Amino acid sequence: MAEWEYATINYSQEGSMKVPGTMIWTAQIMWPGAQRLDIRDEVRIQDVLNDVGRDGWEVVSEQPTTGLNAREYLLKREKRST
């Protein structure tokens, strides 16, 4: 029987530090066992999902969450042996 590992992506808009008064899309990814978030600024969700999909991750669910236009994506992949 397969064992799964899970990750989450919080995708939302926030103010740009480079250009005050503008908004950018940011993905904050929490990988299993990671001590810190993997933060990717100025990204499209399609590009993030394609990137993680190449590493075997697939979307399990997607739902609104707190934050400006924020969505949370739950991902899973078969657990890899270490």
PDB file of N, CA and C in Angstrom:
ATOM      1  N   MET A   1       0.834  -1.177   0.000  1.00  0.00           N
ATOM      2  CA  MET A   1       0.000   0.000   0.000  1.00  0.00           C
ATOM      3  C   MET A   1       0.886   1.250   0.000  1.00  0.00           C
ATOM      4  N   ALA A   2       0.517   2.207  -0.807  1.00  0.00           N
ATOM      5  CA  ALA A   2       1.306   3.439  -0.950  1.00  0.00           C
ATOM      6  C   ALA A   2       1.199   4.313   0.289  1.00  0.00           C
ATOM      7  N   GLU A   3       2.298   4.963   0.622  1.00  0.00           N
ATOM      8  CA  GLU A   3       2.304   5.987   1.658  1.00  0.00           C
ATOM      9  C   GLU A   3       2.465   7.325   0.962  1.00  0.00           C
ATOM     10  N   TRP A   4       1.791   8.343   1.495  1.00  0.00           N
ATOM     11  CA  TRP A   4       1.785   9.658   0.863  1.00  0.00           C
ATOM     12  C   TRP A   4       2.449  10.691   1.759  1.00  0.00           C
ATOM     13  N   GLU A   5       3.000  11.708   1.118  1.00  0.00           N
ATOM     14  CA  GLU A   5       3.464  12.889   1.850  1.00  0.00           C
ATOM     15  C   GLU A   5       2.725  14.087   1.269  1.00  0.00           C
ATOM     16  N   TYR A   6       2.561  15.114   2.091  1.00  0.00           N
ATOM     17  CA  TYR A   6       1.729  16.252   1.719  1.00  0.00           C
ATOM     18  C   TYR A   6       2.489  17.567   1.860  1.00  0.00           C
ATOM     19  N   ALA A   7       2.125  18.524   1.030  1.00  0.00           N
ATOM     20  CA  ALA A   7       2.673  19.877   1.072  1.00  0.00           C
ATOM     21  C   ALA A   7       1.520  20.849   0.845  1.00  0.00           C
ATOM     22  N   THR A   8       1.726  22.099   1.207  1.00  0.00           N
ATOM     23  CA  THR A   8       0.708  23.122   0.960  1.00  0.00           C
ATOM     24  C   THR A   8       1.331  24.320   0.264  1.00  0.00           C
ATOM     25  N   ILE A   9       0.523  24.943  -0.591  1.00  0.00           N
ATOM     26  CA  ILE A   9       0.903  26.198  -1.233  1.00  0.00           C
ATOM     27  C   ILE A   9      -0.149  27.230  -0.856  1.00  0.00           C
ATOM     28  N   ASN A  10       0.292  28.318  -0.251  1.00  0.00           N
ATOM     29  CA  ASN A  10      -0.581  29.464  -0.012  1.00  0.00           C
ATOM     30  C   ASN A  10      -0.228  30.488  -1.076  1.00  0.00           C
ATOM     31  N   TYR A  11      -1.213  30.824  -1.916  1.00  0.00           N
ATOM     32  CA  TYR A  11      -1.000  31.711  -3.058  1.00  0.00           C
ATOM     33  C   TYR A  11      -1.857  32.947  -2.852  1.00  0.00           C
ATOM     34  N   SER A  12      -1.216  34.121  -2.808  1.00  0.00           N
ATOM     35  CA  SER A  12      -1.971  35.345  -2.532  1.00  0.00           C
ATOM     36  C   SER A  12      -1.259  36.561  -3.108  1.00  0.00           C
ATOM     37  N   GLN A  13      -1.956  37.674  -3.053  1.00  0.00           N
ATOM     38  CA  GLN A  13      -1.381  38.948  -3.473  1.00  0.00           C
ATOM     39  C   GLN A  13      -0.858  39.684  -2.257  1.00  0.00           C
ATOM     40  N   GLU A  14       0.236  40.395  -2.462  1.00  0.00           N
ATOM     41  CA  GLU A  14       0.756  41.265  -1.413  1.00  0.00           C
ATOM     42  C   GLU A  14       1.447  42.456  -2.060  1.00  0.00           C
ATOM     43  N   GLY A  15       1.712  43.451  -1.263  1.00  0.00           N
ATOM     44  CA  GLY A  15       2.347  44.653  -1.785  1.00  0.00           C
ATOM     45  C   GLY A  15       3.769  44.390  -2.242  1.00  0.00           C
ATOM     46  N   SER A  16       4.147  45.003  -3.344  1.00  0.00           N
ATOM     47  CA  SER A  16       5.499  44.862  -3.884  1.00  0.00           C
ATOM     48  C   SER A  16       6.467  45.743  -3.108  1.00  0.00           C
ATOM     49  N   MET A  17       7.613  45.180  -2.757  1.00  0.00           N
ATOM     50  CA  MET A  17       8.658  45.965  -2.096  1.00  0.00           C
ATOM     51  C   MET A  17       9.445  46.757  -3.141  1.00  0.00           C
ATOM     52  N   LYS A  18       9.454  46.271  -4.379  1.00  0.00           N
ATOM     53  CA  LYS A  18      10.208  46.933  -5.453  1.00  0.00           C
ATOM     54  C   LYS A  18       9.484  48.165  -5.983  1.00  0.00           C
ATOM     55  N   VAL A  19       8.161  48.039  -6.147  1.00  0.00           N
ATOM     56  CA  VAL A  19       7.367  49.140  -6.707  1.00  0.00           C
ATOM     57  C   VAL A  19       6.216  49.437  -5.739  1.00  0.00           C
ATOM     58  N   PRO A  20       6.420  50.389  -4.813  1.00  0.00           N
ATOM     59  CA  PRO A  20       5.367  50.715  -3.848  1.00  0.00           C
ATOM     60  C   PRO A  20       4.043  51.040  -4.548  1.00  0.00           C
ATOM     61  N   GLY A  21       2.955  50.573  -3.960  1.00  0.00           N
ATOM     62  CA  GLY A  21       1.632  50.831  -4.500  1.00  0.00           C
ATOM     63  C   GLY A  21       1.161  49.792  -5.499  1.00  0.00           C
ATOM     64  N   THR A  22       1.993  48.810  -5.814  1.00  0.00           N
ATOM     65  CA  THR A  22       1.585  47.740  -6.729  1.00  0.00           C
ATOM     66  C   THR A  22       1.505  46.426  -5.969  1.00  0.00           C
ATOM     67  N   MET A  23       0.772  45.492  -6.538  1.00  0.00           N
ATOM     68  CA  MET A  23       0.578  44.180  -5.920  1.00  0.00           C
ATOM     69  C   MET A  23       1.274  43.112  -6.757  1.00  0.00           C
ATOM     70  N   ILE A  24       1.771  42.081  -6.077  1.00  0.00           N
ATOM     71  CA  ILE A  24       2.384  40.941  -6.754  1.00  0.00           C
ATOM     72  C   ILE A  24       1.769  39.660  -6.209  1.00  0.00           C
ATOM     73  N   TRP A  25       1.865  38.590  -6.978  1.00  0.00           N
ATOM     74  CA  TRP A  25       1.411  37.280  -6.537  1.00  0.00           C
ATOM     75  C   TRP A  25       2.590  36.539  -5.914  1.00  0.00           C
ATOM     76  N   THR A  26       2.336  35.936  -4.755  1.00  0.00           N
ATOM     77  CA  THR A  26       3.368  35.224  -4.019  1.00  0.00           C
ATOM     78  C   THR A  26       2.874  33.824  -3.667  1.00  0.00           C
ATOM     79  N   ALA A  27       3.771  32.845  -3.810  1.00  0.00           N
ATOM     80  CA  ALA A  27       3.478  31.469  -3.399  1.00  0.00           C
ATOM     81  C   ALA A  27       4.368  31.132  -2.213  1.00  0.00           C
ATOM     82  N   GLN A  28       3.747  30.674  -1.136  1.00  0.00           N
ATOM     83  CA  GLN A  28       4.482  30.221   0.041  1.00  0.00           C
ATOM     84  C   GLN A  28       4.239  28.723   0.160  1.00  0.00           C
ATOM     85  N   ILE A  29       5.308  27.955   0.002  1.00  0.00           N
ATOM     86  CA  ILE A  29       5.190  26.500  -0.033  1.00  0.00           C
ATOM     87  C   ILE A  29       5.794  25.903   1.231  1.00  0.00           C
ATOM     88  N   MET A  30       5.019  25.049   1.896  1.00  0.00           N
ATOM     89  CA  MET A  30       5.521  24.325   3.070  1.00  0.00           C
ATOM     90  C   MET A  30       5.711  22.873   2.659  1.00  0.00           C
ATOM     91  N   TRP A  31       6.975  22.484   2.530  1.00  0.00           N
ATOM     92  CA  TRP A  31       7.311  21.105   2.173  1.00  0.00           C
ATOM     93  C   TRP A  31       7.341  20.240   3.416  1.00  0.00           C
ATOM     94  N   PRO A  32       7.109  18.935   3.289  1.00  0.00           N
ATOM     95  CA  PRO A  32       7.173  18.049   4.455  1.00  0.00           C
ATOM     96  C   PRO A  32       8.575  18.081   5.077  1.00  0.00           C
ATOM     97  N   GLY A  33       8.612  18.253   6.380  1.00  0.00           N
ATOM     98  CA  GLY A  33       9.879  18.241   7.109  1.00  0.00           C
ATOM     99  C   GLY A  33      10.702  19.513   6.989  1.00  0.00           C
ATOM    100  N   ALA A  34      10.236  20.501   6.232  1.00  0.00           N
ATOM    101  CA  ALA A  34      11.007  21.741   6.049  1.00  0.00           C
ATOM    102  C   ALA A  34      10.906  22.627   7.278  1.00  0.00           C
ATOM    103  N   GLN A  35      11.987  23.293   7.586  1.00  0.00           N
ATOM    104  CA  GLN A  35      12.007  24.213   8.723  1.00  0.00           C
ATOM    105  C   GLN A  35      11.470  25.595   8.352  1.00  0.00           C
ATOM    106  N   ARG A  36      11.572  25.945   7.056  1.00  0.00           N
ATOM    107  CA  ARG A  36      11.135  27.265   6.593  1.00  0.00           C
ATOM    108  C   ARG A  36      10.275  27.124   5.346  1.00  0.00           C
ATOM    109  N   LEU A  37       9.523  28.187   5.067  1.00  0.00           N
ATOM    110  CA  LEU A  37       8.718  28.232   3.852  1.00  0.00           C
ATOM    111  C   LEU A  37       9.611  28.436   2.632  1.00  0.00           C
ATOM    112  N   ASP A  38       9.203  27.876   1.520  1.00  0.00           N
ATOM    113  CA  ASP A  38       9.807  28.144   0.208  1.00  0.00           C
ATOM    114  C   ASP A  38       8.956  29.268  -0.374  1.00  0.00           C
ATOM    115  N   ILE A  39       9.499  30.496  -0.439  1.00  0.00           N
ATOM    116  CA  ILE A  39       8.729  31.657  -0.877  1.00  0.00           C
ATOM    117  C   ILE A  39       9.142  32.038  -2.293  1.00  0.00           C
ATOM    118  N   ARG A  40       8.152  32.170  -3.166  1.00  0.00           N
ATOM    119  CA  ARG A  40       8.394  32.542  -4.558  1.00  0.00           C
ATOM    120  C   ARG A  40       7.546  33.764  -4.882  1.00  0.00           C
ATOM    121  N   ASP A  41       8.214  34.870  -5.199  1.00  0.00           N
ATOM    122  CA  ASP A  41       7.538  36.133  -5.492  1.00  0.00           C
ATOM    123  C   ASP A  41       7.341  36.323  -6.985  1.00  0.00           C
ATOM    124  N   GLU A  42       6.300  37.090  -7.316  1.00  0.00           N
ATOM    125  CA  GLU A  42       5.996  37.469  -8.698  1.00  0.00           C
ATOM    126  C   GLU A  42       5.866  36.239  -9.598  1.00  0.00           C
ATOM    127  N   VAL A  43       5.002  35.309  -9.163  1.00  0.00           N
ATOM    128  CA  VAL A  43       4.798  34.062  -9.908  1.00  0.00           C
ATOM    129  C   VAL A  43       3.327  33.865 -10.257  1.00  0.00           C
ATOM    130  N   ARG A  44       3.105  33.090 -11.298  1.00  0.00           N
ATOM    131  CA  ARG A  44       1.743  32.673 -11.650  1.00  0.00           C
ATOM    132  C   ARG A  44       1.533  31.283 -11.062  1.00  0.00           C
ATOM    133  N   ILE A  45       0.340  31.006 -10.571  1.00  0.00           N
ATOM    134  CA  ILE A  45       0.083  29.710  -9.946  1.00  0.00           C
ATOM    135  C   ILE A  45       0.294  28.577 -10.945  1.00  0.00           C
ATOM    136  N   GLN A  46      -0.020  28.806 -12.216  1.00  0.00           N
ATOM    137  CA  GLN A  46       0.181  27.757 -13.224  1.00  0.00           C
ATOM    138  C   GLN A  46       1.657  27.354 -13.288  1.00  0.00           C
ATOM    139  N   ASP A  47       2.543  28.332 -13.214  1.00  0.00           N
ATOM    140  CA  ASP A  47       3.979  28.034 -13.270  1.00  0.00           C
ATOM    141  C   ASP A  47       4.441  27.282 -12.025  1.00  0.00           C
ATOM    142  N   VAL A  48       3.925  27.674 -10.862  1.00  0.00           N
ATOM    143  CA  VAL A  48       4.283  26.983  -9.621  1.00  0.00           C
ATOM    144  C   VAL A  48       3.798  25.535  -9.662  1.00  0.00           C
ATOM    145  N   LEU A  49       2.544  25.321 -10.058  1.00  0.00           N
ATOM    146  CA  LEU A  49       1.992  23.966 -10.102  1.00  0.00           C
ATOM    147  C   LEU A  49       2.712  23.105 -11.139  1.00  0.00           C
ATOM    148  N   ASN A  50       3.069  23.682 -12.279  1.00  0.00           N
ATOM    149  CA  ASN A  50       3.839  22.925 -13.270  1.00  0.00           C
ATOM    150  C   ASN A  50       5.206  22.541 -12.719  1.00  0.00           C
ATOM    151  N   ASP A  51       5.837  23.451 -12.001  1.00  0.00           N
ATOM    152  CA  ASP A  51       7.153  23.193 -11.420  1.00  0.00           C
ATOM    153  C   ASP A  51       7.101  22.053 -10.401  1.00  0.00           C
ATOM    154  N   VAL A  52       6.164  22.124  -9.461  1.00  0.00           N
ATOM    155  CA  VAL A  52       6.088  21.074  -8.440  1.00  0.00           C
ATOM    156  C   VAL A  52       5.565  19.760  -9.032  1.00  0.00           C
ATOM    157  N   GLY A  53       4.743  19.856 -10.072  1.00  0.00           N
ATOM    158  CA  GLY A  53       4.232  18.663 -10.747  1.00  0.00           C
ATOM    159  C   GLY A  53       5.343  17.851 -11.384  1.00  0.00           C
ATOM    160  N   ARG A  54       6.379  18.522 -11.887  1.00  0.00           N
ATOM    161  CA  ARG A  54       7.519  17.808 -12.465  1.00  0.00           C
ATOM    162  C   ARG A  54       8.241  16.968 -11.424  1.00  0.00           C
ATOM    163  N   ASP A  55       8.045  17.309 -10.137  1.00  0.00           N
ATOM    164  CA  ASP A  55       8.676  16.552  -9.055  1.00  0.00           C
ATOM    165  C   ASP A  55       7.701  15.547  -8.432  1.00  0.00           C
ATOM    166  N   GLY A  56       6.592  15.280  -9.124  1.00  0.00           N
ATOM    167  CA  GLY A  56       5.669  14.243  -8.680  1.00  0.00           C
ATOM    168  C   GLY A  56       4.499  14.700  -7.821  1.00  0.00           C
ATOM    169  N   TRP A  57       4.408  15.988  -7.519  1.00  0.00           N
ATOM    170  CA  TRP A  57       3.320  16.495  -6.696  1.00  0.00           C
ATOM    171  C   TRP A  57       2.059  16.680  -7.524  1.00  0.00           C
ATOM    172  N   GLU A  58       0.905  16.356  -6.930  1.00  0.00           N
ATOM    173  CA  GLU A  58      -0.378  16.602  -7.585  1.00  0.00           C
ATOM    174  C   GLU A  58      -1.320  17.302  -6.617  1.00  0.00           C
ATOM    175  N   VAL A  59      -2.206  18.122  -7.162  1.00  0.00           N
ATOM    176  CA  VAL A  59      -3.155  18.886  -6.344  1.00  0.00           C
ATOM    177  C   VAL A  59      -4.257  17.956  -5.855  1.00  0.00           C
ATOM    178  N   VAL A  60      -4.495  17.990  -4.534  1.00  0.00           N
ATOM    179  CA  VAL A  60      -5.563  17.211  -3.906  1.00  0.00           C
ATOM    180  C   VAL A  60      -6.795  18.087  -3.707  1.00  0.00           C
ATOM    181  N   SER A  61      -6.558  19.327  -3.261  1.00  0.00           N
ATOM    182  CA  SER A  61      -7.674  20.251  -3.054  1.00  0.00           C
ATOM    183  C   SER A  61      -7.190  21.686  -3.190  1.00  0.00           C
ATOM    184  N   GLU A  62      -8.148  22.573  -3.393  1.00  0.00           N
ATOM    185  CA  GLU A  62      -7.880  24.001  -3.514  1.00  0.00           C
ATOM    186  C   GLU A  62      -9.069  24.713  -2.897  1.00  0.00           C
ATOM    187  N   GLN A  63      -8.771  25.703  -2.048  1.00  0.00           N
ATOM    188  CA  GLN A  63      -9.855  26.407  -1.364  1.00  0.00           C
ATOM    189  C   GLN A  63      -9.419  27.819  -1.001  1.00  0.00           C
ATOM    190  N   PRO A  64     -10.391  28.716  -0.794  1.00  0.00           N
ATOM    191  CA  PRO A  64     -10.042  30.067  -0.355  1.00  0.00           C
ATOM    192  C   PRO A  64      -9.485  30.024   1.067  1.00  0.00           C
ATOM    193  N   THR A  65      -8.646  30.983   1.369  1.00  0.00           N
ATOM    194  CA  THR A  65      -8.091  31.106   2.715  1.00  0.00           C
ATOM    195  C   THR A  65      -7.960  32.591   3.052  1.00  0.00           C
ATOM    196  N   THR A  66      -7.501  32.914   4.238  1.00  0.00           N
ATOM    197  CA  THR A  66      -7.388  34.319   4.628  1.00  0.00           C
ATOM    198  C   THR A  66      -6.279  35.007   3.850  1.00  0.00           C
ATOM    199  N   GLY A  67      -6.496  36.250   3.534  1.00  0.00           N
ATOM    200  CA  GLY A  67      -5.524  37.027   2.770  1.00  0.00           C
ATOM    201  C   GLY A  67      -6.176  37.598   1.525  1.00  0.00           C
ATOM    202  N   LEU A  68      -5.474  38.486   0.870  1.00  0.00           N
ATOM    203  CA  LEU A  68      -5.993  39.152  -0.314  1.00  0.00           C
ATOM    204  C   LEU A  68      -5.996  38.192  -1.502  1.00  0.00           C
ATOM    205  N   ASN A  69      -7.184  37.865  -1.986  1.00  0.00           N
ATOM    206  CA  ASN A  69      -7.354  36.925  -3.104  1.00  0.00           C
ATOM    207  C   ASN A  69      -6.607  35.613  -2.869  1.00  0.00           C
ATOM    208  N   ALA A  70      -6.532  35.166  -1.632  1.00  0.00           N
ATOM    209  CA  ALA A  70      -5.697  34.023  -1.261  1.00  0.00           C
ATOM    210  C   ALA A  70      -6.387  32.680  -1.506  1.00  0.00           C
ATOM    211  N   ARG A  71      -5.590  31.717  -1.941  1.00  0.00           N
ATOM    212  CA  ARG A  71      -6.037  30.341  -2.154  1.00  0.00           C
ATOM    213  C   ARG A  71      -5.005  29.425  -1.502  1.00  0.00           C
ATOM    214  N   GLU A  72      -5.480  28.302  -0.996  1.00  0.00           N
ATOM    215  CA  GLU A  72      -4.579  27.294  -0.447  1.00  0.00           C
ATOM    216  C   GLU A  72      -4.715  26.024  -1.274  1.00  0.00           C
ATOM    217  N   TYR A  73      -3.583  25.478  -1.683  1.00  0.00           N
ATOM    218  CA  TYR A  73      -3.534  24.244  -2.460  1.00  0.00           C
ATOM    219  C   TYR A  73      -2.881  23.169  -1.607  1.00  0.00           C
ATOM    220  N   LEU A  74      -3.550  22.020  -1.490  1.00  0.00           N
ATOM    221  CA  LEU A  74      -2.983  20.872  -0.804  1.00  0.00           C
ATOM    222  C   LEU A  74      -2.456  19.928  -1.876  1.00  0.00           C
ATOM    223  N   LEU A  75      -1.206  19.513  -1.718  1.00  0.00           N
ATOM    224  CA  LEU A  75      -0.548  18.641  -2.686  1.00  0.00           C
ATOM    225  C   LEU A  75      -0.194  17.311  -2.042  1.00  0.00           C
ATOM    226  N   LYS A  76      -0.083  16.271  -2.860  1.00  0.00           N
ATOM    227  CA  LYS A  76       0.403  14.993  -2.349  1.00  0.00           C
ATOM    228  C   LYS A  76       1.270  14.332  -3.410  1.00  0.00           C
ATOM    229  N   ARG A  77       2.124  13.438  -2.938  1.00  0.00           N
ATOM    230  CA  ARG A  77       2.890  12.568  -3.825  1.00  0.00           C
ATOM    231  C   ARG A  77       3.245  11.312  -3.036  1.00  0.00           C
ATOM    232  N   GLU A  78       3.565  10.262  -3.744  1.00  0.00           N
ATOM    233  CA  GLU A  78       3.947   9.043  -3.071  1.00  0.00           C
ATOM    234  C   GLU A  78       5.251   9.295  -2.312  1.00  0.00           C
ATOM    235  N   LYS A  79       5.270   8.841  -1.061  1.00  0.00           N
ATOM    236  CA  LYS A  79       6.421   9.062  -0.208  1.00  0.00           C
ATOM    237  C   LYS A  79       7.641   8.368  -0.794  1.00  0.00           C
ATOM    238  N   ARG A  80       8.742   9.097  -0.823  1.00  0.00           N
ATOM    239  CA  ARG A  80       9.974   8.562  -1.386  1.00  0.00           C
ATOM    240  C   ARG A  80      10.838   7.997  -0.270  1.00  0.00           C
ATOM    241  N   SER A  81      11.515   6.905  -0.572  1.00  0.00           N
ATOM    242  CA  SER A  81      12.395   6.320   0.442  1.00  0.00           C
ATOM    243  C   SER A  81      13.627   7.190   0.612  1.00  0.00           C
ATOM    244  N   THR A  82      14.102   7.277   1.830  1.00  0.00           N
ATOM    245  CA  THR A  82      15.263   8.134   2.108  1.00  0.00           C
ATOM    246  C   THR A  82      16.530   7.360   2.197  1.00  0.00           C
TER     247      THR A  82
END
